[in-house]
Amino acid sequence: MTSRPATTTLWRPTGPKELELVRELEFRAWPPRLPEQPIFYPVLDEEYAITIARDWNVKHDGAGFVTRFQVESGFLSRYPVQQAGGRTILELWIPAEELDDFNAHIVGTIEVVHEFH
């Protein structure tokens, strides 16, 4: 019997362009970062992701989405949690060059859990 690895739930606020790229990857991976995006920022709090999608992505992209996905906890332990502001503003900072490895440790699919227009 094979046991499933322990996972951590992460959220990612995203705009429509990035979500379309995730769709093209069959909701199993995040697309490569652009040259001006050296870090991939998944967040650890759903409310923080909602705030970004609703208040920033809608304003800049016309729509905002919150995605939820699972990543192997053992793999994530290499990335210290970054407090980007208040107590619940917690992120992981994944260097762009490590995104393929990060994607390989996603368990299941990336789900859209909130949508804002």
Protein backbone atom coordinates (compact mmCIF):
# COMPACT_ATOMS: atom_id res chain seq x y z
CA MET A 1 0.00 0.00 0.00
CA THR A 2 1.42 3.37 -1.04
CA SER A 3 0.66 6.25 1.28
CA ARG A 4 0.04 9.73 -0.01
CA PRO A 5 2.61 12.30 1.14
CA ALA A 6 1.55 14.97 3.60
CA THR A 7 0.48 18.11 1.75
CA THR A 8 0.10 21.81 2.46
CA THR A 9 -2.75 23.84 0.99
CA LEU A 10 -1.64 26.96 -0.86
CA TRP A 11 -3.61 29.68 -2.63
CA ARG A 12 -2.64 31.83 -5.58
CA PRO A 13 -4.48 35.00 -6.61
CA THR A 14 -4.23 35.32 -10.36
CA GLY A 15 -5.51 37.27 -13.31
CA PRO A 16 -7.14 35.91 -16.45
CA LYS A 17 -3.93 35.65 -18.51
CA GLU A 18 -2.12 33.50 -15.97
CA LEU A 19 -5.24 31.41 -15.40
CA GLU A 20 -5.46 30.69 -19.13
CA LEU A 21 -1.85 29.44 -19.06
CA VAL A 22 -2.70 27.20 -16.08
CA ARG A 23 -5.69 25.88 -18.04
CA GLU A 24 -3.36 25.08 -20.98
CA LEU A 25 -1.25 23.07 -18.50
CA GLU A 26 -4.41 21.12 -17.57
CA PHE A 27 -4.50 22.70 -14.08
CA ARG A 28 -1.43 20.67 -13.05
CA ALA A 29 1.32 23.32 -13.09
CA TRP A 30 2.13 27.02 -13.00
CA PRO A 31 3.58 28.61 -16.15
CA PRO A 32 7.16 29.87 -16.27
CA ARG A 33 7.70 33.33 -14.86
CA LEU A 34 8.30 36.28 -17.16
CA PRO A 35 11.74 37.95 -17.02
CA GLU A 36 10.33 40.69 -14.75
CA GLN A 37 8.89 38.02 -12.38
CA PRO A 38 11.89 36.44 -10.61
CA ILE A 39 9.74 35.01 -7.79
CA PHE A 40 6.54 32.92 -7.71
CA TYR A 41 4.40 33.88 -4.69
CA PRO A 42 1.83 31.35 -3.48
CA VAL A 43 0.13 32.44 -0.26
CA LEU A 44 -0.82 30.53 2.89
CA ASP A 45 -4.07 32.30 3.74
CA GLU A 46 -7.24 32.18 1.65
CA GLU A 47 -8.48 35.60 2.83
CA TYR A 48 -5.21 37.22 1.78
CA ALA A 49 -5.55 35.61 -1.66
CA ILE A 50 -9.14 36.86 -1.93
CA THR A 51 -8.08 40.40 -1.08
CA ILE A 52 -5.40 40.42 -3.79
CA ALA A 53 -7.65 38.87 -6.45
CA ARG A 54 -10.60 41.13 -5.67
CA ASP A 55 -8.76 44.40 -5.01
CA TRP A 56 -5.71 44.18 -7.27
CA ASN A 57 -6.34 41.69 -10.11
CA VAL A 58 -9.82 43.06 -10.90
CA LYS A 59 -8.50 46.62 -11.00
CA HIS A 60 -5.50 45.75 -13.22
CA ASP A 61 -6.80 42.80 -15.28
CA GLY A 62 -10.60 43.13 -15.27
CA ALA A 63 -11.00 39.89 -13.32
CA GLY A 64 -9.39 38.10 -10.42
CA PHE A 65 -9.35 34.46 -9.44
CA VAL A 66 -8.27 32.59 -6.34
CA THR A 67 -6.82 29.15 -6.91
CA ARG A 68 -6.22 26.44 -4.33
CA PHE A 69 -3.75 23.60 -4.66
CA GLN A 70 -1.79 21.07 -2.61
CA VAL A 71 1.99 20.73 -2.51
CA GLU A 72 4.05 18.08 -0.73
CA SER A 73 4.84 19.50 2.71
CA GLY A 74 8.31 17.94 2.85
CA PHE A 75 9.27 19.72 -0.35
CA LEU A 76 7.93 23.08 0.89
CA SER A 77 10.06 22.91 4.03
CA ARG A 78 12.99 24.31 2.02
CA TYR A 79 11.13 27.65 1.64
CA PRO A 80 10.77 29.74 4.79
CA VAL A 81 7.40 31.41 5.27
CA GLN A 82 7.67 35.12 4.50
CA GLN A 83 5.52 37.59 6.41
CA ALA A 84 4.81 40.25 3.80
CA GLY A 85 2.87 42.58 6.07
CA GLY A 86 0.27 41.78 8.70
CA ARG A 87 -0.05 38.62 10.76
CA THR A 88 -1.96 36.73 8.05
CA ILE A 89 -0.04 38.07 5.05
CA LEU A 90 2.09 34.99 4.60
CA GLU A 91 3.76 33.89 1.37
CA LEU A 92 6.31 31.47 0.06
CA TRP A 93 8.93 32.91 -2.26
CA ILE A 94 9.78 30.36 -4.94
CA PRO A 95 12.63 31.47 -7.24
CA ALA A 96 11.56 31.33 -10.89
CA GLU A 97 14.33 28.87 -11.73
CA GLU A 98 12.88 26.41 -9.16
CA LEU A 99 9.30 26.55 -10.46
CA ASP A 100 9.56 23.33 -12.50
CA ASP A 101 10.65 21.47 -9.36
CA PHE A 102 7.84 23.13 -7.39
CA ASN A 103 5.32 22.08 -10.06
CA ALA A 104 6.57 18.49 -9.86
CA HIS A 105 5.52 18.44 -6.18
CA ILE A 106 1.94 19.64 -6.72
CA VAL A 107 -0.45 16.89 -5.63
CA GLY A 108 -3.68 16.78 -7.64
CA THR A 109 -4.91 19.73 -9.64
CA ILE A 110 -5.09 23.48 -9.25
CA GLU A 111 -8.70 24.52 -8.53
CA VAL A 112 -10.39 27.89 -9.04
CA VAL A 113 -12.26 28.55 -5.79
CA HIS A 114 -13.25 32.25 -6.15
CA GLU A 115 -13.86 34.55 -9.10
CA PHE A 116 -14.22 38.33 -9.10
CA HIS A 117 -15.19 40.78 -11.88
